[in-house]
C-alpha atoms as a PDB file:
ATOM      1  CA  MET A   1      -3.513 -65.176 -43.451  1.00  0.00           C
ATOM      2  CA  SER A   2      -1.622 -61.916 -42.894  1.00  0.00           C
ATOM      3  CA  THR A   3      -0.919 -59.325 -45.543  1.00  0.00           C
ATOM      4  CA  ASP A   4       2.750 -60.381 -45.547  1.00  0.00           C
ATOM      5  CA  ASP A   5       1.694 -63.960 -46.263  1.00  0.00           C
ATOM      6  CA  ASP A   6      -0.525 -62.765 -49.111  1.00  0.00           C
ATOM      7  CA  VAL A   7       2.318 -60.763 -50.642  1.00  0.00           C
ATOM      8  CA  SER A   8       4.754 -63.667 -50.274  1.00  0.00           C
ATOM      9  CA  THR A   9       2.312 -66.053 -51.931  1.00  0.00           C
ATOM     10  CA  LEU A  10       1.664 -63.606 -54.762  1.00  0.00           C
ATOM     11  CA  LEU A  11       5.359 -62.964 -55.381  1.00  0.00           C
ATOM     12  CA  ALA A  12       6.138 -66.695 -55.374  1.00  0.00           C
ATOM     13  CA  ALA A  13       3.360 -67.310 -57.910  1.00  0.00           C
ATOM     14  CA  LEU A  14       4.572 -64.473 -60.148  1.00  0.00           C
ATOM     15  CA  TRP A  15       8.130 -65.805 -60.010  1.00  0.00           C
ATOM     16  CA  ARG A  16       7.044 -69.308 -61.025  1.00  0.00           C
ATOM     17  CA  GLU A  17       4.955 -67.865 -63.862  1.00  0.00           C
ATOM     18  CA  ARG A  18       7.721 -65.693 -65.330  1.00  0.00           C
ATOM     19  CA  TRP A  19      10.934 -67.538 -64.461  1.00  0.00           C
ATOM     20  CA  LEU A  20      10.374 -71.221 -65.110  1.00  0.00           C
ATOM     21  CA  SER A  21      14.033 -72.246 -64.947  1.00  0.00           C
ATOM     22  CA  GLY A  22      14.502 -72.051 -61.208  1.00  0.00           C
ATOM     23  CA  PRO A  23      13.563 -70.650 -57.824  1.00  0.00           C
ATOM     24  CA  PRO A  24      14.429 -67.118 -56.637  1.00  0.00           C
ATOM     25  CA  VAL A  25      17.690 -68.174 -54.985  1.00  0.00           C
ATOM     26  CA  ALA A  26      20.375 -65.575 -55.696  1.00  0.00           C
ATOM     27  CA  HIS A  27      23.415 -67.853 -55.779  1.00  0.00           C
ATOM     28  CA  THR A  28      21.821 -69.967 -58.537  1.00  0.00           C
ATOM     29  CA  PHE A  29      21.174 -67.080 -60.947  1.00  0.00           C
ATOM     30  CA  ARG A  30      24.627 -67.121 -62.542  1.00  0.00           C
ATOM     31  CA  SER A  31      24.105 -70.618 -63.917  1.00  0.00           C
ATOM     32  CA  THR A  32      20.314 -70.769 -64.202  1.00  0.00           C
ATOM     33  CA  TYR A  33      19.902 -67.389 -65.910  1.00  0.00           C
ATOM     34  CA  ALA A  34      23.348 -67.031 -67.501  1.00  0.00           C
ATOM     35  CA  ASP A  35      21.933 -65.086 -70.461  1.00  0.00           C
ATOM     36  CA  ARG A  36      20.628 -62.382 -68.097  1.00  0.00           C
ATOM     37  CA  TRP A  37      22.937 -62.563 -65.095  1.00  0.00           C
ATOM     38  CA  VAL A  38      25.169 -59.588 -64.396  1.00  0.00           C
ATOM     39  CA  ARG A  39      27.387 -58.547 -61.537  1.00  0.00           C
ATOM     40  CA  PHE A  40      28.472 -54.972 -60.980  1.00  0.00           C
ATOM     41  CA  HIS A  41      31.808 -54.567 -59.238  1.00  0.00           C
ATOM     42  CA  SER A  42      31.463 -51.737 -56.776  1.00  0.00           C
ATOM     43  CA  LEU A  43      34.928 -51.805 -55.303  1.00  0.00           C
ATOM     44  CA  PRO A  44      38.432 -51.892 -56.742  1.00  0.00           C
ATOM     45  CA  GLY A  45      39.873 -55.372 -57.089  1.00  0.00           C
ATOM     46  CA  SER A  46      36.394 -56.920 -57.128  1.00  0.00           C
ATOM     47  CA  LYS A  47      36.183 -56.789 -53.336  1.00  0.00           C
ATOM     48  CA  ARG A  48      32.724 -57.619 -52.051  1.00  0.00           C
ATOM     49  CA  TYR A  49      32.651 -55.424 -48.940  1.00  0.00           C
ATOM     50  CA  PRO A  50      34.329 -52.143 -48.073  1.00  0.00           C
ATOM     51  CA  GLU A  51      36.910 -52.405 -45.330  1.00  0.00           C
ATOM     52  CA  TYR A  52      37.173 -48.698 -44.492  1.00  0.00           C
ATOM     53  CA  GLU A  53      35.082 -45.540 -44.747  1.00  0.00           C
ATOM     54  CA  ASP A  54      36.850 -44.663 -48.012  1.00  0.00           C
ATOM     55  CA  GLY A  55      35.500 -47.896 -49.466  1.00  0.00           C
ATOM     56  CA  TYR A  56      31.939 -46.965 -48.507  1.00  0.00           C
ATOM     57  CA  ALA A  57      32.412 -43.613 -50.254  1.00  0.00           C
ATOM     58  CA  ILE A  58      33.562 -45.431 -53.412  1.00  0.00           C
ATOM     59  CA  VAL A  59      30.510 -47.721 -53.286  1.00  0.00           C
ATOM     60  CA  ARG A  60      28.114 -44.792 -52.818  1.00  0.00           C
ATOM     61  CA  HIS A  61      29.713 -42.853 -55.668  1.00  0.00           C
ATOM     62  CA  ARG A  62      29.649 -45.796 -58.084  1.00  0.00           C
ATOM     63  CA  HIS A  63      26.081 -46.769 -57.231  1.00  0.00           C
ATOM     64  CA  ASN A  64      24.875 -43.183 -57.556  1.00  0.00           C
ATOM     65  CA  SER A  65      26.695 -42.827 -60.897  1.00  0.00           C
ATOM     66  CA  PHE A  66      25.052 -45.985 -62.173  1.00  0.00           C
ATOM     67  CA  LEU A  67      21.595 -44.890 -61.009  1.00  0.00           C
ATOM     68  CA  ASP A  68      22.048 -41.423 -62.511  1.00  0.00           C
ATOM     69  CA  GLU A  69      22.806 -42.982 -65.896  1.00  0.00           C
ATOM     70  CA  TRP A  70      20.215 -45.764 -65.676  1.00  0.00           C
ATOM     71  CA  PHE A  71      17.337 -43.490 -64.683  1.00  0.00           C
ATOM     72  CA  ALA A  72      18.289 -40.329 -66.556  1.00  0.00           C
ATOM     73  CA  GLY A  73      15.201 -38.494 -67.711  1.00  0.00           C
ATOM     74  CA  THR A  74      12.756 -40.417 -65.522  1.00  0.00           C
END
């Protein structure tokens, strides 16, 4: 077994131990973990992907602002 296989097996076991309600499948989190699920809108109008370079700049700025606040003092 490779190291990647070992890590995958370990992570799967940890997930099952800590999150009994469902598998680590992102599109199921909103319903399965509704009490903890959150979505951050990074673009105006709730767009999912930037269409132009200006949009990428907005995403970078918003993500960096969030990280600056979230990890302040660490």
